[in-house]
Each structure stands twice: as C-alpha cells, then as structure tokens.
Amino acid sequence: MKKPNFNNNKNQFWLFGNHAVCEALNNDNRIKHQLLVTKNTELNIKLPKTLRKEIVMKEKLDSLLGRDTIHQGIALLVSPLDSLDIEYAYDKKTVLILDQVTDPHNVGAILRSAVAFDIDAVILTDDNSAKESGVLAKSACGALERMPIIRVVNLKRAIEQLKSNDFWCIGFDGDGKRELKDFNFGNKTAIIMGAEGPGMRRLTKEACDEILRISMSPNMESLNVSNATAIALYESYTARISNK
C-alpha cells in the first residue's frame, strides 16, 4: 500500500469535519488533492475519479491538524477557490461586504448566515481579511462551498462600482442615524460590516449611502460582528420575502 504524503504547498490547506469535507467533495469548482479518513469513518458520498480514500490512524490526523481539532476522522487537502470579479455582483439583489474582518471563526459564521438568508455574494478585501482555512470552513459548516466570494484590492472603489450599478450601500455603526428596523430593503442593497472593535474604516464609511444602527439594550455596548451581521441579513431576508 502506498504511504500517504502529508506534505502540502503554501497554497493548499486541509479541510476537516464532515460538513466541510462533504460540501467540498460535492463542489466541482473545488480542486481536491488528498482525502484522509480513519478506519471507522463512514463516507457516504461518491468520490471524484481522480481522488481516492486513504485510511490513516486517528493519531495521524491529530498530529496533522492539531490534537484539539475536532476533525471527526476525516480531512481533505484542497486548493483555495478562485475569487469572482466584482462584475459578478452587478445584476444581483443583495450582497454583503466585510471590511477587513480577519477572524476566521467570525467569517465562517457570517458565511453560514449569508447562505441561510439568501445573500447573493460576499465581498472581502484581498488583504487584511480571513483567508480560506480549515477553521474558517468548519465554522461555515459547508457554506464556504456554496457562497460566491469576491475579493477586491480597493474596497472603496468596489463600493463605488456597486453604487454605479444601482446598489444602495448601507454601513453599520453604533452612531448610525437610523435604526435597521426602519430601513426599506426594497432596492438593490449592499450591506457593509466593519471589523470587530475598529468597525468600518473611514473611507469605507464615507463611501456608504447611509449608516444604520442595530437597536439593543443599554446593558450591552456592542455585538460580535457575526451576530450583528446575522441580524442585518435576517432583516434583509424577511423584507425581501415579504415583498415578493
């Protein structure tokens, strides 16, 4: 039996856990290199002809991924997905923009919410944002393979391009003049969320058509960015389905 090769180049990374791996196996756009499973792991999915299942000991996955990683006995070595161009968003209804959100757990959770609430695409900055990783994919629970992702070099320019294509661009800040619940999601909308702590950068905020706030109890100063984003996406989703 051929001994598994556990070396991967810097552009490849390991996905782990049932949801992340199975969604990647079902994604024709995902380049897959190596599949490792433990002896007792069930995998009820048809594999691509170019990929075979390699049986390894649990200790090998623990060593490869980290002893505290919950890998469920399965790991898949992949290449990152290709980023889409900003033009992809022009004819869409609702897009989400993340301004330098770097925590992979937050970005993964946000992608999961974006899929749940029918967001058409997520736009990230090319620098200073979370890159694809096993942690991000695990937090996304399969959503990384389903959500179209656009990476841009200049976020302000991307916002201006969306505005030129009839998008109304709304940012979120605790000092926003209008509450989210009072906003009308009837038109093409770009929802913009800043990094946890610093929030949106100055140029990003200046590019917004409007700054909104999420009403909340004075007992808590702020929300985690993934929680705040989920609230905004839910409000946009309920507005869209009620307008159909």
C-alpha atoms as a PDB file:
ATOM      1  CA  MET A   1       0.000   0.000   0.000  1.00  0.00           C
ATOM      2  CA  LYS A   2       1.320   3.438  -0.924  1.00  0.00           C
ATOM      3  CA  LYS A   3       2.245   5.541   2.086  1.00  0.00           C
ATOM      4  CA  PRO A   4       0.222   8.809   2.271  1.00  0.00           C
ATOM      5  CA  ASN A   5       2.100  12.004   1.511  1.00  0.00           C
ATOM      6  CA  PHE A   6       1.176  14.607   4.126  1.00  0.00           C
ATOM      7  CA  ASN A   7       3.159  17.473   2.636  1.00  0.00           C
ATOM      8  CA  ASN A   8       1.246  20.327   1.048  1.00  0.00           C
ATOM      9  CA  ASN A   9       2.386  23.576  -0.542  1.00  0.00           C
ATOM     10  CA  LYS A  10       1.584  27.012   0.856  1.00  0.00           C
ATOM     11  CA  ASN A  11      -1.463  27.466  -1.396  1.00  0.00           C
ATOM     12  CA  GLN A  12      -3.115  24.273  -0.189  1.00  0.00           C
ATOM     13  CA  PHE A  13      -4.803  23.638   3.136  1.00  0.00           C
ATOM     14  CA  TRP A  14      -6.673  20.915   4.985  1.00  0.00           C
ATOM     15  CA  LEU A  15     -10.435  20.907   5.386  1.00  0.00           C
ATOM     16  CA  PHE A  16     -11.728  18.770   8.232  1.00  0.00           C
ATOM     17  CA  GLY A  17     -15.049  17.672   9.689  1.00  0.00           C
ATOM     18  CA  ASN A  18     -17.976  16.016   7.911  1.00  0.00           C
ATOM     19  CA  HIS A  19     -19.841  19.112   6.723  1.00  0.00           C
ATOM     20  CA  ALA A  20     -16.836  20.983   5.383  1.00  0.00           C
ATOM     21  CA  VAL A  21     -15.334  17.953   3.642  1.00  0.00           C
ATOM     22  CA  CYS A  22     -18.560  16.594   2.134  1.00  0.00           C
ATOM     23  CA  GLU A  23     -19.559  20.006   0.776  1.00  0.00           C
ATOM     24  CA  ALA A  24     -16.105  20.374  -0.777  1.00  0.00           C
ATOM     25  CA  LEU A  25     -16.340  16.905  -2.332  1.00  0.00           C
ATOM     26  CA  ASN A  26     -19.649  17.930  -3.904  1.00  0.00           C
ATOM     27  CA  ASN A  27     -18.238  21.210  -5.233  1.00  0.00           C
ATOM     28  CA  ASP A  28     -16.962  20.775  -8.794  1.00  0.00           C
ATOM     29  CA  ASN A  29     -15.149  24.121  -8.545  1.00  0.00           C
ATOM     30  CA  ARG A  30     -13.004  22.950  -5.642  1.00  0.00           C
ATOM     31  CA  ILE A  31      -9.643  21.382  -6.564  1.00  0.00           C
ATOM     32  CA  LYS A  32      -9.090  18.374  -4.304  1.00  0.00           C
ATOM     33  CA  HIS A  33      -5.713  16.712  -3.761  1.00  0.00           C
ATOM     34  CA  GLN A  34      -5.857  14.163  -0.959  1.00  0.00           C
ATOM     35  CA  LEU A  35      -8.550  12.551   1.224  1.00  0.00           C
ATOM     36  CA  LEU A  36      -7.657  11.023   4.574  1.00  0.00           C
ATOM     37  CA  VAL A  37     -10.117   9.102   6.763  1.00  0.00           C
ATOM     38  CA  THR A  38      -9.857   6.891   9.805  1.00  0.00           C
ATOM     39  CA  LYS A  39     -10.866   3.244   9.590  1.00  0.00           C
ATOM     40  CA  ASN A  40     -14.266   3.652  11.259  1.00  0.00           C
ATOM     41  CA  THR A  41     -15.305   6.860   9.488  1.00  0.00           C
ATOM     42  CA  GLU A  42     -18.346   6.447   7.242  1.00  0.00           C
ATOM     43  CA  LEU A  43     -18.273   8.417   3.996  1.00  0.00           C
ATOM     44  CA  ASN A  44     -21.499   8.019   2.041  1.00  0.00           C
ATOM     45  CA  ILE A  45     -20.571  10.129  -0.946  1.00  0.00           C
ATOM     46  CA  LYS A  46     -19.306   9.391  -4.433  1.00  0.00           C
ATOM     47  CA  LEU A  47     -15.698  10.445  -4.844  1.00  0.00           C
ATOM     48  CA  PRO A  48     -14.237  12.088  -7.951  1.00  0.00           C
ATOM     49  CA  LYS A  49     -12.385   9.613 -10.165  1.00  0.00           C
ATOM     50  CA  THR A  50      -9.122  11.454  -9.547  1.00  0.00           C
ATOM     51  CA  LEU A  51      -9.396  11.138  -5.756  1.00  0.00           C
ATOM     52  CA  ARG A  52      -9.065   8.030  -3.640  1.00  0.00           C
ATOM     53  CA  LYS A  53      -9.692   7.498   0.052  1.00  0.00           C
ATOM     54  CA  GLU A  54      -6.596   6.882   2.165  1.00  0.00           C
ATOM     55  CA  ILE A  55      -7.009   5.143   5.529  1.00  0.00           C
ATOM     56  CA  VAL A  56      -4.929   6.572   8.374  1.00  0.00           C
ATOM     57  CA  MET A  57      -4.793   6.294  12.140  1.00  0.00           C
ATOM     58  CA  LYS A  58      -6.630   8.905  14.230  1.00  0.00           C
ATOM     59  CA  GLU A  59      -3.287   9.842  15.759  1.00  0.00           C
ATOM     60  CA  LYS A  60      -2.010  10.835  12.326  1.00  0.00           C
ATOM     61  CA  LEU A  61      -4.914  13.284  11.841  1.00  0.00           C
ATOM     62  CA  ASP A  62      -4.375  14.588  15.373  1.00  0.00           C
ATOM     63  CA  SER A  63      -0.728  15.225  14.541  1.00  0.00           C
ATOM     64  CA  LEU A  64      -1.534  16.765  11.164  1.00  0.00           C
ATOM     65  CA  LEU A  65      -4.382  19.049  12.254  1.00  0.00           C
ATOM     66  CA  GLY A  66      -3.698  19.590  15.940  1.00  0.00           C
ATOM     67  CA  ARG A  67      -4.647  17.400  18.871  1.00  0.00           C
ATOM     68  CA  ASP A  68      -7.508  19.699  19.934  1.00  0.00           C
ATOM     69  CA  THR A  69      -9.022  19.848  16.428  1.00  0.00           C
ATOM     70  CA  ILE A  70     -12.438  18.201  16.098  1.00  0.00           C
ATOM     71  CA  HIS A  71     -11.855  16.534  12.723  1.00  0.00           C
ATOM     72  CA  GLN A  72     -14.404  13.677  13.037  1.00  0.00           C
ATOM     73  CA  GLY A  73     -11.910  11.316  11.440  1.00  0.00           C
ATOM     74  CA  ILE A  74     -11.795  12.994   8.042  1.00  0.00           C
ATOM     75  CA  ALA A  75      -9.570  15.550   6.279  1.00  0.00           C
ATOM     76  CA  LEU A  76      -9.318  16.791   2.705  1.00  0.00           C
ATOM     77  CA  LEU A  77      -6.364  18.631   1.186  1.00  0.00           C
ATOM     78  CA  VAL A  78      -7.607  21.336  -1.197  1.00  0.00           C
ATOM     79  CA  SER A  79      -6.618  24.455  -3.111  1.00  0.00           C
ATOM     80  CA  PRO A  80      -8.417  27.760  -2.449  1.00  0.00           C
ATOM     81  CA  LEU A  81     -11.436  28.564  -4.597  1.00  0.00           C
ATOM     82  CA  ASP A  82     -10.998  31.123  -7.346  1.00  0.00           C
ATOM     83  CA  SER A  83     -12.275  34.575  -6.436  1.00  0.00           C
ATOM     84  CA  LEU A  84     -15.020  36.074  -8.584  1.00  0.00           C
ATOM     85  CA  ASP A  85     -14.773  39.519 -10.179  1.00  0.00           C
ATOM     86  CA  ILE A  86     -16.809  42.459  -8.865  1.00  0.00           C
ATOM     87  CA  GLU A  87     -18.835  42.406 -12.094  1.00  0.00           C
ATOM     88  CA  TYR A  88     -20.497  39.220 -10.834  1.00  0.00           C
ATOM     89  CA  ALA A  89     -22.435  41.296  -8.295  1.00  0.00           C
ATOM     90  CA  TYR A  90     -23.773  43.932 -10.674  1.00  0.00           C
ATOM     91  CA  ASP A  91     -27.046  42.170 -11.537  1.00  0.00           C
ATOM     92  CA  LYS A  92     -27.631  40.728  -8.060  1.00  0.00           C
ATOM     93  CA  LYS A  93     -30.132  41.875  -5.447  1.00  0.00           C
ATOM     94  CA  THR A  94     -28.309  41.760  -2.102  1.00  0.00           C
ATOM     95  CA  VAL A  95     -24.584  41.495  -1.373  1.00  0.00           C
ATOM     96  CA  LEU A  96     -22.599  41.560   1.845  1.00  0.00           C
ATOM     97  CA  ILE A  97     -19.302  43.430   2.228  1.00  0.00           C
ATOM     98  CA  LEU A  98     -16.846  42.735   5.066  1.00  0.00           C
ATOM     99  CA  ASP A  99     -14.318  45.483   5.726  1.00  0.00           C
ATOM    100  CA  GLN A 100     -11.153  43.762   6.974  1.00  0.00           C
ATOM    101  CA  VAL A 101     -12.820  41.147   9.164  1.00  0.00           C
ATOM    102  CA  THR A 102      -9.872  38.904   9.997  1.00  0.00           C
ATOM    103  CA  ASP A 103     -11.120  36.305  12.480  1.00  0.00           C
ATOM    104  CA  PRO A 104     -11.807  33.003  10.629  1.00  0.00           C
ATOM    105  CA  HIS A 105     -14.439  31.910  13.160  1.00  0.00           C
ATOM    106  CA  ASN A 106     -16.384  35.129  12.572  1.00  0.00           C
ATOM    107  CA  VAL A 107     -16.064  34.982   8.787  1.00  0.00           C
ATOM    108  CA  GLY A 108     -17.112  31.327   8.773  1.00  0.00           C
ATOM    109  CA  ALA A 109     -20.174  32.066  10.899  1.00  0.00           C
ATOM    110  CA  ILE A 110     -21.012  35.035   8.662  1.00  0.00           C
ATOM    111  CA  LEU A 111     -20.820  32.879   5.523  1.00  0.00           C
ATOM    112  CA  ARG A 112     -23.197  30.417   7.158  1.00  0.00           C
ATOM    113  CA  SER A 113     -25.679  33.235   7.840  1.00  0.00           C
ATOM    114  CA  ALA A 114     -25.216  34.580   4.306  1.00  0.00           C
ATOM    115  CA  VAL A 115     -26.261  31.234   2.828  1.00  0.00           C
ATOM    116  CA  ALA A 116     -29.142  30.871   5.289  1.00  0.00           C
ATOM    117  CA  PHE A 117     -30.533  34.302   4.364  1.00  0.00           C
ATOM    118  CA  ASP A 118     -30.044  34.103   0.582  1.00  0.00           C
ATOM    119  CA  ILE A 119     -27.278  36.672   0.143  1.00  0.00           C
ATOM    120  CA  ASP A 120     -26.107  36.672  -3.480  1.00  0.00           C
ATOM    121  CA  ALA A 121     -22.383  37.220  -2.845  1.00  0.00           C
ATOM    122  CA  VAL A 122     -19.891  38.164  -0.145  1.00  0.00           C
ATOM    123  CA  ILE A 123     -17.181  40.731  -0.900  1.00  0.00           C
ATOM    124  CA  LEU A 124     -13.922  40.641   1.070  1.00  0.00           C
ATOM    125  CA  THR A 125     -10.762  42.706   0.984  1.00  0.00           C
ATOM    126  CA  ASP A 126      -7.808  40.940  -0.619  1.00  0.00           C
ATOM    127  CA  ASP A 127      -5.548  41.986   2.261  1.00  0.00           C
ATOM    128  CA  ASN A 128      -6.323  42.036   5.977  1.00  0.00           C
ATOM    129  CA  SER A 129      -9.244  39.623   5.801  1.00  0.00           C
ATOM    130  CA  ALA A 130      -9.572  35.981   6.769  1.00  0.00           C
ATOM    131  CA  LYS A 131      -8.239  33.621   4.119  1.00  0.00           C
ATOM    132  CA  GLU A 132      -9.701  30.216   3.371  1.00  0.00           C
ATOM    133  CA  SER A 133      -8.668  27.718   6.030  1.00  0.00           C
ATOM    134  CA  GLY A 134      -9.870  24.608   7.777  1.00  0.00           C
ATOM    135  CA  VAL A 135     -11.010  26.652  10.776  1.00  0.00           C
ATOM    136  CA  LEU A 136     -12.999  29.055   8.591  1.00  0.00           C
ATOM    137  CA  ALA A 137     -14.593  26.191   6.643  1.00  0.00           C
ATOM    138  CA  LYS A 138     -15.516  24.309   9.833  1.00  0.00           C
ATOM    139  CA  SER A 139     -17.160  27.434  11.260  1.00  0.00           C
ATOM    140  CA  ALA A 140     -19.011  27.944   7.970  1.00  0.00           C
ATOM    141  CA  CYS A 141     -20.450  24.413   8.198  1.00  0.00           C
ATOM    142  CA  GLY A 142     -20.316  23.913   4.407  1.00  0.00           C
ATOM    143  CA  ALA A 143     -21.268  27.469   3.447  1.00  0.00           C
ATOM    144  CA  LEU A 144     -17.775  28.218   2.102  1.00  0.00           C
ATOM    145  CA  GLU A 145     -18.530  25.930  -0.851  1.00  0.00           C
ATOM    146  CA  ARG A 146     -21.941  27.479  -1.534  1.00  0.00           C
ATOM    147  CA  MET A 147     -21.438  31.228  -1.208  1.00  0.00           C
ATOM    148  CA  PRO A 148     -19.966  33.174  -4.161  1.00  0.00           C
ATOM    149  CA  ILE A 149     -16.991  35.149  -2.832  1.00  0.00           C
ATOM    150  CA  ILE A 150     -15.463  38.252  -4.411  1.00  0.00           C
ATOM    151  CA  ARG A 151     -12.091  39.565  -3.243  1.00  0.00           C
ATOM    152  CA  VAL A 152     -11.140  43.141  -4.089  1.00  0.00           C
ATOM    153  CA  VAL A 153      -7.965  45.193  -3.684  1.00  0.00           C
ATOM    154  CA  ASN A 154      -9.695  48.552  -3.197  1.00  0.00           C
ATOM    155  CA  LEU A 155     -12.909  48.300  -1.192  1.00  0.00           C
ATOM    156  CA  LYS A 156     -13.900  51.947  -1.638  1.00  0.00           C
ATOM    157  CA  ARG A 157     -13.666  51.550  -5.413  1.00  0.00           C
ATOM    158  CA  ALA A 158     -15.737  48.359  -5.248  1.00  0.00           C
ATOM    159  CA  ILE A 159     -18.449  50.194  -3.306  1.00  0.00           C
ATOM    160  CA  GLU A 160     -18.460  52.999  -5.872  1.00  0.00           C
ATOM    161  CA  GLN A 161     -18.784  50.413  -8.656  1.00  0.00           C
ATOM    162  CA  LEU A 162     -21.784  48.876  -6.914  1.00  0.00           C
ATOM    163  CA  LYS A 163     -23.357  52.313  -6.477  1.00  0.00           C
ATOM    164  CA  SER A 164     -22.886  52.918 -10.213  1.00  0.00           C
ATOM    165  CA  ASN A 165     -24.915  49.752 -10.761  1.00  0.00           C
ATOM    166  CA  ASP A 166     -27.874  50.945  -8.672  1.00  0.00           C
ATOM    167  CA  PHE A 167     -26.896  49.477  -5.296  1.00  0.00           C
ATOM    168  CA  TRP A 168     -27.800  51.380  -2.139  1.00  0.00           C
ATOM    169  CA  CYS A 169     -24.848  50.846   0.201  1.00  0.00           C
ATOM    170  CA  ILE A 170     -25.588  50.726   3.924  1.00  0.00           C
ATOM    171  CA  GLY A 171     -22.977  50.503   6.661  1.00  0.00           C
ATOM    172  CA  PHE A 172     -23.476  49.709  10.336  1.00  0.00           C
ATOM    173  CA  ASP A 173     -22.218  51.682  13.307  1.00  0.00           C
ATOM    174  CA  GLY A 174     -23.426  52.308  16.839  1.00  0.00           C
ATOM    175  CA  ASP A 175     -23.741  56.009  15.960  1.00  0.00           C
ATOM    176  CA  GLY A 176     -25.932  55.401  12.911  1.00  0.00           C
ATOM    177  CA  LYS A 177     -28.713  57.960  12.472  1.00  0.00           C
ATOM    178  CA  ARG A 178     -31.427  55.455  11.561  1.00  0.00           C
ATOM    179  CA  GLU A 179     -32.309  52.083  13.052  1.00  0.00           C
ATOM    180  CA  LEU A 180     -32.094  48.935  10.951  1.00  0.00           C
ATOM    181  CA  LYS A 181     -35.763  48.137  11.575  1.00  0.00           C
ATOM    182  CA  ASP A 182     -36.774  51.363   9.801  1.00  0.00           C
ATOM    183  CA  PHE A 183     -34.808  50.674   6.619  1.00  0.00           C
ATOM    184  CA  ASN A 184     -36.594  49.631   3.407  1.00  0.00           C
ATOM    185  CA  PHE A 185     -34.813  46.726   1.684  1.00  0.00           C
ATOM    186  CA  GLY A 186     -36.879  47.074  -1.488  1.00  0.00           C
ATOM    187  CA  ASN A 187     -33.965  48.008  -3.778  1.00  0.00           C
ATOM    188  CA  LYS A 188     -30.576  46.504  -4.623  1.00  0.00           C
ATOM    189  CA  THR A 189     -28.630  46.644  -1.379  1.00  0.00           C
ATOM    190  CA  ALA A 190     -25.020  46.222  -0.275  1.00  0.00           C
ATOM    191  CA  ILE A 191     -24.738  45.537   3.455  1.00  0.00           C
ATOM    192  CA  ILE A 192     -21.355  46.632   4.838  1.00  0.00           C
ATOM    193  CA  MET A 193     -19.935  45.419   8.144  1.00  0.00           C
ATOM    194  CA  GLY A 194     -16.691  46.563   9.747  1.00  0.00           C
ATOM    195  CA  ALA A 195     -14.153  44.631  11.765  1.00  0.00           C
ATOM    196  CA  GLU A 196     -14.918  43.900  15.385  1.00  0.00           C
ATOM    197  CA  GLY A 197     -13.528  46.709  17.514  1.00  0.00           C
ATOM    198  CA  PRO A 198     -12.475  49.369  14.975  1.00  0.00           C
ATOM    199  CA  GLY A 199     -15.568  48.947  12.787  1.00  0.00           C
ATOM    200  CA  MET A 200     -15.571  50.291   9.254  1.00  0.00           C
ATOM    201  CA  ARG A 201     -12.572  52.272   8.109  1.00  0.00           C
ATOM    202  CA  ARG A 202     -13.071  55.992   7.453  1.00  0.00           C
ATOM    203  CA  LEU A 203     -13.016  55.740   3.643  1.00  0.00           C
ATOM    204  CA  THR A 204     -15.427  52.808   3.739  1.00  0.00           C
ATOM    205  CA  LYS A 205     -17.832  54.720   5.952  1.00  0.00           C
ATOM    206  CA  GLU A 206     -17.615  57.795   3.724  1.00  0.00           C
ATOM    207  CA  ALA A 207     -18.467  55.669   0.680  1.00  0.00           C
ATOM    208  CA  CYS A 208     -21.714  54.411   2.248  1.00  0.00           C
ATOM    209  CA  ASP A 209     -25.016  55.951   1.209  1.00  0.00           C
ATOM    210  CA  GLU A 210     -26.302  55.600   4.741  1.00  0.00           C
ATOM    211  CA  ILE A 211     -25.151  54.452   8.192  1.00  0.00           C
ATOM    212  CA  LEU A 212     -27.602  52.388  10.250  1.00  0.00           C
ATOM    213  CA  ARG A 213     -27.555  51.118  13.807  1.00  0.00           C
ATOM    214  CA  ILE A 214     -28.979  47.994  15.428  1.00  0.00           C
ATOM    215  CA  SER A 215     -31.182  48.778  18.424  1.00  0.00           C
ATOM    216  CA  MET A 216     -30.222  46.893  21.570  1.00  0.00           C
ATOM    217  CA  SER A 217     -30.386  47.030  25.349  1.00  0.00           C
ATOM    218  CA  PRO A 218     -28.087  49.515  27.105  1.00  0.00           C
ATOM    219  CA  ASN A 219     -26.892  46.570  29.201  1.00  0.00           C
ATOM    220  CA  MET A 220     -24.509  45.588  26.393  1.00  0.00           C
ATOM    221  CA  GLU A 221     -22.313  48.026  24.482  1.00  0.00           C
ATOM    222  CA  SER A 222     -21.887  46.057  21.262  1.00  0.00           C
ATOM    223  CA  LEU A 223     -22.372  42.745  19.455  1.00  0.00           C
ATOM    224  CA  ASN A 224     -19.924  40.285  17.976  1.00  0.00           C
ATOM    225  CA  VAL A 225     -19.585  41.084  14.254  1.00  0.00           C
ATOM    226  CA  SER A 226     -21.001  37.709  13.232  1.00  0.00           C
ATOM    227  CA  ASN A 227     -24.058  38.242  15.456  1.00  0.00           C
ATOM    228  CA  ALA A 228     -24.612  41.791  14.202  1.00  0.00           C
ATOM    229  CA  THR A 229     -24.270  40.602  10.611  1.00  0.00           C
ATOM    230  CA  ALA A 230     -26.757  37.784  11.164  1.00  0.00           C
ATOM    231  CA  ILE A 231     -29.319  40.298  12.453  1.00  0.00           C
ATOM    232  CA  ALA A 232     -28.830  42.576   9.441  1.00  0.00           C
ATOM    233  CA  LEU A 233     -29.041  39.671   6.985  1.00  0.00           C
ATOM    234  CA  TYR A 234     -32.165  38.314   8.660  1.00  0.00           C
ATOM    235  CA  GLU A 235     -33.876  41.705   8.412  1.00  0.00           C
ATOM    236  CA  SER A 236     -32.982  41.942   4.721  1.00  0.00           C
ATOM    237  CA  TYR A 237     -34.235  38.397   4.104  1.00  0.00           C
ATOM    238  CA  THR A 238     -37.612  38.886   5.790  1.00  0.00           C
ATOM    239  CA  ALA A 239     -38.097  42.172   3.914  1.00  0.00           C
ATOM    240  CA  ARG A 240     -37.307  40.537   0.572  1.00  0.00           C
ATOM    241  CA  ILE A 241     -39.620  37.570   1.038  1.00  0.00           C
ATOM    242  CA  SER A 242     -42.465  39.810   2.253  1.00  0.00           C
ATOM    243  CA  ASN A 243     -42.086  41.959  -0.880  1.00  0.00           C
ATOM    244  CA  LYS A 244     -42.396  39.026  -3.281  1.00  0.00           C
END
